[in-house]
Amino acid sequence: MKKKRRYLTATMPDGYVKTIGPTTDKFTHYWRIVAELENGKTEVFWGHTRSLAEARRKREPAADAARIRGWRSFTFEVAELVETLS
């Protein structure tokens, strides 16, 4: 039996929309780190997970990365993925 390919979309608090797919994987959440670097620039790191708990576990390594890499600050956010048409 062929698995259904889906598109998954997350909308972040600032209005940014990320669409993943087509995928047959059972992702449920999208996470994003927006890091402010010492030079004032920003870097964005992101990924998707199969549970909210798995996404939340990314927070501690982000704090470690901030200390190691010398980020001025960072924002860590998680959003639920919802199935969309495209």
C-alpha atoms as a PDB file:
ATOM      1  CA  MET A   1       0.000   0.000   0.000  1.00  0.00           C
ATOM      2  CA  LYS A   2       1.403   3.368  -1.038  1.00  0.00           C
ATOM      3  CA  LYS A   3       1.765   6.016   1.677  1.00  0.00           C
ATOM      4  CA  LYS A   4      -0.005   9.328   1.161  1.00  0.00           C
ATOM      5  CA  ARG A   5       2.297  12.253   0.478  1.00  0.00           C
ATOM      6  CA  ARG A   6       1.331  15.367   2.396  1.00  0.00           C
ATOM      7  CA  TYR A   7       2.391  18.974   2.730  1.00  0.00           C
ATOM      8  CA  LEU A   8       2.801  20.261   6.285  1.00  0.00           C
ATOM      9  CA  THR A   9       2.737  23.943   7.214  1.00  0.00           C
ATOM     10  CA  ALA A  10       3.772  25.776  10.370  1.00  0.00           C
ATOM     11  CA  THR A  11       2.961  29.413  11.101  1.00  0.00           C
ATOM     12  CA  MET A  12       5.339  31.093  13.524  1.00  0.00           C
ATOM     13  CA  PRO A  13       4.296  33.842  15.990  1.00  0.00           C
ATOM     14  CA  ASP A  14       5.909  36.527  13.775  1.00  0.00           C
ATOM     15  CA  GLY A  15       3.835  35.382  10.774  1.00  0.00           C
ATOM     16  CA  TYR A  16       6.602  33.423   9.028  1.00  0.00           C
ATOM     17  CA  VAL A  17       5.132  30.377   7.258  1.00  0.00           C
ATOM     18  CA  LYS A  18       7.207  27.239   6.607  1.00  0.00           C
ATOM     19  CA  THR A  19       5.888  24.454   4.376  1.00  0.00           C
ATOM     20  CA  ILE A  20       7.477  21.008   4.333  1.00  0.00           C
ATOM     21  CA  GLY A  21       6.772  18.390   1.717  1.00  0.00           C
ATOM     22  CA  PRO A  22       5.688  16.438  -0.011  1.00  0.00           C
ATOM     23  CA  THR A  23       6.428  13.928   2.738  1.00  0.00           C
ATOM     24  CA  THR A  24       5.090  10.650   4.038  1.00  0.00           C
ATOM     25  CA  ASP A  25       6.776  11.167   7.411  1.00  0.00           C
ATOM     26  CA  LYS A  26       4.680  11.788  10.522  1.00  0.00           C
ATOM     27  CA  PHE A  27       6.126  15.154  11.549  1.00  0.00           C
ATOM     28  CA  THR A  28       3.990  17.090  14.032  1.00  0.00           C
ATOM     29  CA  HIS A  29       6.052  20.147  15.010  1.00  0.00           C
ATOM     30  CA  TYR A  30       8.488  22.645  13.518  1.00  0.00           C
ATOM     31  CA  TRP A  31      11.151  24.368  15.628  1.00  0.00           C
ATOM     32  CA  ARG A  32      13.217  27.443  14.857  1.00  0.00           C
ATOM     33  CA  ILE A  33      16.140  29.213  16.497  1.00  0.00           C
ATOM     34  CA  VAL A  34      16.830  32.804  15.481  1.00  0.00           C
ATOM     35  CA  ALA A  35      20.276  33.715  16.792  1.00  0.00           C
ATOM     36  CA  GLU A  36      21.628  37.252  17.023  1.00  0.00           C
ATOM     37  CA  LEU A  37      25.365  37.113  16.389  1.00  0.00           C
ATOM     38  CA  GLU A  38      28.017  39.369  17.941  1.00  0.00           C
ATOM     39  CA  ASN A  39      28.328  41.301  14.655  1.00  0.00           C
ATOM     40  CA  GLY A  40      24.592  42.128  14.703  1.00  0.00           C
ATOM     41  CA  LYS A  41      23.651  39.671  11.960  1.00  0.00           C
ATOM     42  CA  THR A  42      21.208  36.833  12.484  1.00  0.00           C
ATOM     43  CA  GLU A  43      21.324  33.145  11.711  1.00  0.00           C
ATOM     44  CA  VAL A  44      18.330  30.824  11.573  1.00  0.00           C
ATOM     45  CA  PHE A  45      18.393  27.135  12.443  1.00  0.00           C
ATOM     46  CA  TRP A  46      15.313  24.957  12.066  1.00  0.00           C
ATOM     47  CA  GLY A  47      13.978  21.442  11.913  1.00  0.00           C
ATOM     48  CA  HIS A  48      10.897  19.301  12.327  1.00  0.00           C
ATOM     49  CA  THR A  49      10.075  16.549  14.791  1.00  0.00           C
ATOM     50  CA  ARG A  50       7.580  13.790  15.424  1.00  0.00           C
ATOM     51  CA  SER A  51       6.376  15.172  18.775  1.00  0.00           C
ATOM     52  CA  LEU A  52       6.127  18.356  20.812  1.00  0.00           C
ATOM     53  CA  ALA A  53       8.346  16.820  23.495  1.00  0.00           C
ATOM     54  CA  GLU A  54      11.042  16.091  20.909  1.00  0.00           C
ATOM     55  CA  ALA A  55      10.865  19.688  19.654  1.00  0.00           C
ATOM     56  CA  ARG A  56      11.113  21.108  23.184  1.00  0.00           C
ATOM     57  CA  ARG A  57      14.256  19.059  23.811  1.00  0.00           C
ATOM     58  CA  LYS A  58      16.032  21.212  21.213  1.00  0.00           C
ATOM     59  CA  ARG A  59      15.906  24.213  23.604  1.00  0.00           C
ATOM     60  CA  GLU A  60      18.729  23.111  25.910  1.00  0.00           C
ATOM     61  CA  PRO A  61      21.228  22.466  23.088  1.00  0.00           C
ATOM     62  CA  ALA A  62      20.315  25.916  21.717  1.00  0.00           C
ATOM     63  CA  ALA A  63      21.288  27.513  25.029  1.00  0.00           C
ATOM     64  CA  ASP A  64      24.575  25.580  24.946  1.00  0.00           C
ATOM     65  CA  ALA A  65      25.205  26.737  21.368  1.00  0.00           C
ATOM     66  CA  ALA A  66      24.557  30.349  22.396  1.00  0.00           C
ATOM     67  CA  ARG A  67      27.249  30.128  25.085  1.00  0.00           C
ATOM     68  CA  ILE A  68      29.753  28.267  22.899  1.00  0.00           C
ATOM     69  CA  ARG A  69      29.277  30.436  19.799  1.00  0.00           C
ATOM     70  CA  GLY A  70      28.934  33.724  21.655  1.00  0.00           C
ATOM     71  CA  TRP A  71      25.488  34.702  20.400  1.00  0.00           C
ATOM     72  CA  ARG A  72      24.178  37.978  21.841  1.00  0.00           C
ATOM     73  CA  SER A  73      20.749  36.402  22.154  1.00  0.00           C
ATOM     74  CA  PHE A  74      18.464  33.859  20.576  1.00  0.00           C
ATOM     75  CA  THR A  75      14.785  33.056  20.255  1.00  0.00           C
ATOM     76  CA  PHE A  76      13.579  29.466  20.310  1.00  0.00           C
ATOM     77  CA  GLU A  77      10.091  28.768  18.962  1.00  0.00           C
ATOM     78  CA  VAL A  78       7.970  25.700  18.270  1.00  0.00           C
ATOM     79  CA  ALA A  79       4.846  25.570  16.084  1.00  0.00           C
ATOM     80  CA  GLU A  80       2.471  22.750  15.274  1.00  0.00           C
ATOM     81  CA  LEU A  81       2.511  21.447  11.713  1.00  0.00           C
ATOM     82  CA  VAL A  82      -0.843  21.192   9.973  1.00  0.00           C
ATOM     83  CA  GLU A  83      -1.605  19.374   6.743  1.00  0.00           C
ATOM     84  CA  THR A  84      -2.188  21.712   3.790  1.00  0.00           C
ATOM     85  CA  LEU A  85      -2.915  21.324   0.095  1.00  0.00           C
ATOM     86  CA  SER A  86       0.423  22.782  -1.013  1.00  0.00           C
END
